[in-house]
Every structure is written in structure tokens, then in C-alpha cells.
Amino acid sequence: MPVDAHVHNPSGAHIGEILVWTDRGATLAALEFAWVTDAMPRSLPAIVNGRLSWPA
């Protein structure tokens, strides 16, 4: 799905992104947190640490 969902820590550093998986482009199938840090996160990021946008 063409969504830009970057995740930032409270200090503003980019720490990953949320991937949105759909079934045939219409039904939500899964959400995945792809992190870019050295340590694997223990939980999903808080919603307040995300920035979501759709391409124009």
C-alpha cells in the first residue's frame, strides 16, 4: 500500500517505519514495524512517535 509511515523516537531520530500489508489491496492483512536500529525493539512504537503521509 503506498503509505509513508516513518517512526521517530521522542528526540526526533528516525528509528523505523510501519509497513501496511493488504489482502487484494482492500482489506488490512497485517502491520509490520521495520526498525533500523541495532537493537530489536521490545514493543511496537507509540502512536505519538509516528508520521503518516500518502504520496500525492
N, C-alpha and C. Protein backbone atom coordinates (compact mmCIF):
# COMPACT_ATOMS: atom_id res chain seq x y z
N MET A 1 0.86 -1.17 0.00
CA MET A 1 0.00 0.00 0.00
C MET A 1 0.91 1.23 0.00
N PRO A 2 0.65 2.21 -0.82
CA PRO A 2 1.53 3.38 -0.92
C PRO A 2 1.35 4.36 0.24
N VAL A 3 1.94 4.02 1.39
CA VAL A 3 1.86 4.85 2.59
C VAL A 3 3.27 5.08 3.09
N ASP A 4 3.55 6.26 3.55
CA ASP A 4 4.84 6.62 4.15
C ASP A 4 4.60 6.73 5.65
N ALA A 5 5.00 5.75 6.43
CA ALA A 5 4.73 5.75 7.87
C ALA A 5 6.03 5.61 8.64
N HIS A 6 6.75 6.70 8.78
CA HIS A 6 8.03 6.71 9.48
C HIS A 6 7.81 6.80 10.98
N VAL A 7 8.70 6.14 11.74
CA VAL A 7 8.63 6.16 13.20
C VAL A 7 9.88 6.87 13.71
N HIS A 8 9.66 7.79 14.63
CA HIS A 8 10.75 8.56 15.23
C HIS A 8 10.71 8.39 16.74
N ASN A 9 11.88 8.41 17.38
CA ASN A 9 11.90 8.34 18.84
C ASN A 9 11.55 9.72 19.41
N PRO A 10 11.36 9.84 20.71
CA PRO A 10 10.97 11.13 21.29
C PRO A 10 11.93 12.29 20.97
N SER A 11 13.20 11.99 20.68
CA SER A 11 14.14 13.07 20.34
C SER A 11 14.11 13.41 18.85
N GLY A 12 13.29 12.71 18.07
CA GLY A 12 13.13 13.03 16.66
C GLY A 12 13.96 12.19 15.70
N ALA A 13 14.77 11.27 16.19
CA ALA A 13 15.60 10.42 15.32
C ALA A 13 14.74 9.34 14.66
N HIS A 14 14.98 9.10 13.38
CA HIS A 14 14.25 8.07 12.63
C HIS A 14 14.70 6.70 13.14
N ILE A 15 13.73 5.87 13.59
CA ILE A 15 14.08 4.55 14.11
C ILE A 15 13.42 3.41 13.34
N GLY A 16 12.60 3.72 12.35
CA GLY A 16 11.98 2.67 11.56
C GLY A 16 10.77 3.16 10.80
N GLU A 17 9.98 2.19 10.34
CA GLU A 17 8.76 2.52 9.61
C GLU A 17 7.73 1.42 9.81
N ILE A 18 6.48 1.79 9.61
CA ILE A 18 5.38 0.83 9.68
C ILE A 18 5.03 0.43 8.25
N LEU A 19 5.01 -0.88 8.00
CA LEU A 19 4.61 -1.40 6.69
C LEU A 19 3.16 -1.86 6.80
N VAL A 20 2.34 -1.49 5.82
CA VAL A 20 0.93 -1.84 5.80
C VAL A 20 0.73 -2.89 4.72
N TRP A 21 0.26 -4.06 5.13
CA TRP A 21 0.02 -5.16 4.21
C TRP A 21 -1.49 -5.30 4.00
N THR A 22 -1.91 -5.43 2.75
CA THR A 22 -3.33 -5.58 2.44
C THR A 22 -3.58 -6.88 1.69
N ASP A 23 -4.80 -7.33 1.75
CA ASP A 23 -5.24 -8.51 1.02
C ASP A 23 -6.01 -8.04 -0.20
N ARG A 24 -5.41 -8.20 -1.36
CA ARG A 24 -6.00 -7.75 -2.63
C ARG A 24 -6.24 -6.25 -2.67
N GLY A 25 -5.43 -5.51 -1.91
CA GLY A 25 -5.48 -4.06 -1.96
C GLY A 25 -6.63 -3.40 -1.23
N ALA A 26 -7.48 -4.19 -0.56
CA ALA A 26 -8.64 -3.59 0.06
C ALA A 26 -8.76 -3.85 1.56
N THR A 27 -8.39 -5.03 2.00
CA THR A 27 -8.55 -5.42 3.40
C THR A 27 -7.21 -5.40 4.11
N LEU A 28 -7.16 -4.82 5.29
CA LEU A 28 -5.94 -4.82 6.08
C LEU A 28 -5.58 -6.25 6.46
N ALA A 29 -4.38 -6.69 6.09
CA ALA A 29 -3.93 -8.04 6.41
C ALA A 29 -2.95 -8.05 7.57
N ALA A 30 -2.08 -7.04 7.65
CA ALA A 30 -1.09 -7.01 8.73
C ALA A 30 -0.43 -5.64 8.80
N LEU A 31 0.15 -5.35 9.96
CA LEU A 31 1.01 -4.19 10.16
C LEU A 31 2.36 -4.73 10.62
N GLU A 32 3.44 -4.17 10.10
CA GLU A 32 4.78 -4.62 10.47
C GLU A 32 5.64 -3.42 10.84
N PHE A 33 6.38 -3.52 11.92
CA PHE A 33 7.31 -2.47 12.31
C PHE A 33 8.71 -2.89 11.87
N ALA A 34 9.25 -2.20 10.89
CA ALA A 34 10.60 -2.45 10.39
C ALA A 34 11.53 -1.44 11.04
N TRP A 35 12.37 -1.89 11.97
CA TRP A 35 13.25 -0.96 12.68
C TRP A 35 14.60 -0.87 11.99
N VAL A 36 15.28 0.25 12.18
CA VAL A 36 16.58 0.49 11.55
C VAL A 36 17.67 0.69 12.61
N THR A 37 17.36 0.36 13.85
CA THR A 37 18.32 0.50 14.94
C THR A 37 19.07 -0.82 15.13
N ASP A 38 20.14 -0.81 15.90
CA ASP A 38 20.91 -2.02 16.16
C ASP A 38 20.17 -3.01 17.06
N ALA A 39 19.44 -2.52 18.02
CA ALA A 39 18.72 -3.38 18.96
C ALA A 39 17.27 -3.57 18.52
N MET A 40 16.80 -4.82 18.59
CA MET A 40 15.41 -5.11 18.26
C MET A 40 14.50 -4.51 19.32
N PRO A 41 13.44 -3.79 18.92
CA PRO A 41 12.52 -3.22 19.90
C PRO A 41 11.74 -4.31 20.63
N ARG A 42 11.33 -4.02 21.84
CA ARG A 42 10.56 -4.98 22.64
C ARG A 42 9.06 -4.83 22.45
N SER A 43 8.63 -3.72 21.83
CA SER A 43 7.21 -3.49 21.61
C SER A 43 7.05 -2.59 20.38
N LEU A 44 5.81 -2.49 19.94
CA LEU A 44 5.51 -1.58 18.84
C LEU A 44 5.66 -0.14 19.31
N PRO A 45 5.98 0.77 18.42
CA PRO A 45 6.13 2.17 18.83
C PRO A 45 4.79 2.78 19.23
N ALA A 46 4.87 3.77 20.10
CA ALA A 46 3.66 4.50 20.48
C ALA A 46 3.15 5.29 19.28
N ILE A 47 1.87 5.43 19.16
CA ILE A 47 1.28 6.14 18.03
C ILE A 47 1.78 7.58 17.94
N VAL A 48 2.14 8.19 19.04
CA VAL A 48 2.61 9.58 19.01
C VAL A 48 3.98 9.72 18.35
N ASN A 49 4.70 8.61 18.16
CA ASN A 49 6.04 8.67 17.55
C ASN A 49 6.01 8.42 16.05
N GLY A 50 4.84 8.36 15.45
CA GLY A 50 4.73 8.08 14.03
C GLY A 50 4.36 9.31 13.22
N ARG A 51 4.72 9.28 11.95
CA ARG A 51 4.32 10.32 11.00
C ARG A 51 3.82 9.60 9.75
N LEU A 52 2.58 9.82 9.42
CA LEU A 52 1.95 9.11 8.33
C LEU A 52 1.61 10.06 7.20
N SER A 53 1.95 9.68 5.97
CA SER A 53 1.58 10.51 4.81
C SER A 53 1.36 9.61 3.60
N TRP A 54 0.55 10.08 2.68
CA TRP A 54 0.28 9.38 1.44
C TRP A 54 0.94 10.16 0.31
N PRO A 55 1.54 9.45 -0.67
CA PRO A 55 2.12 10.15 -1.82
C PRO A 55 1.04 10.90 -2.60
N ALA A 56 1.39 12.03 -3.13
CA ALA A 56 0.42 12.84 -3.90
C ALA A 56 0.14 12.24 -5.26
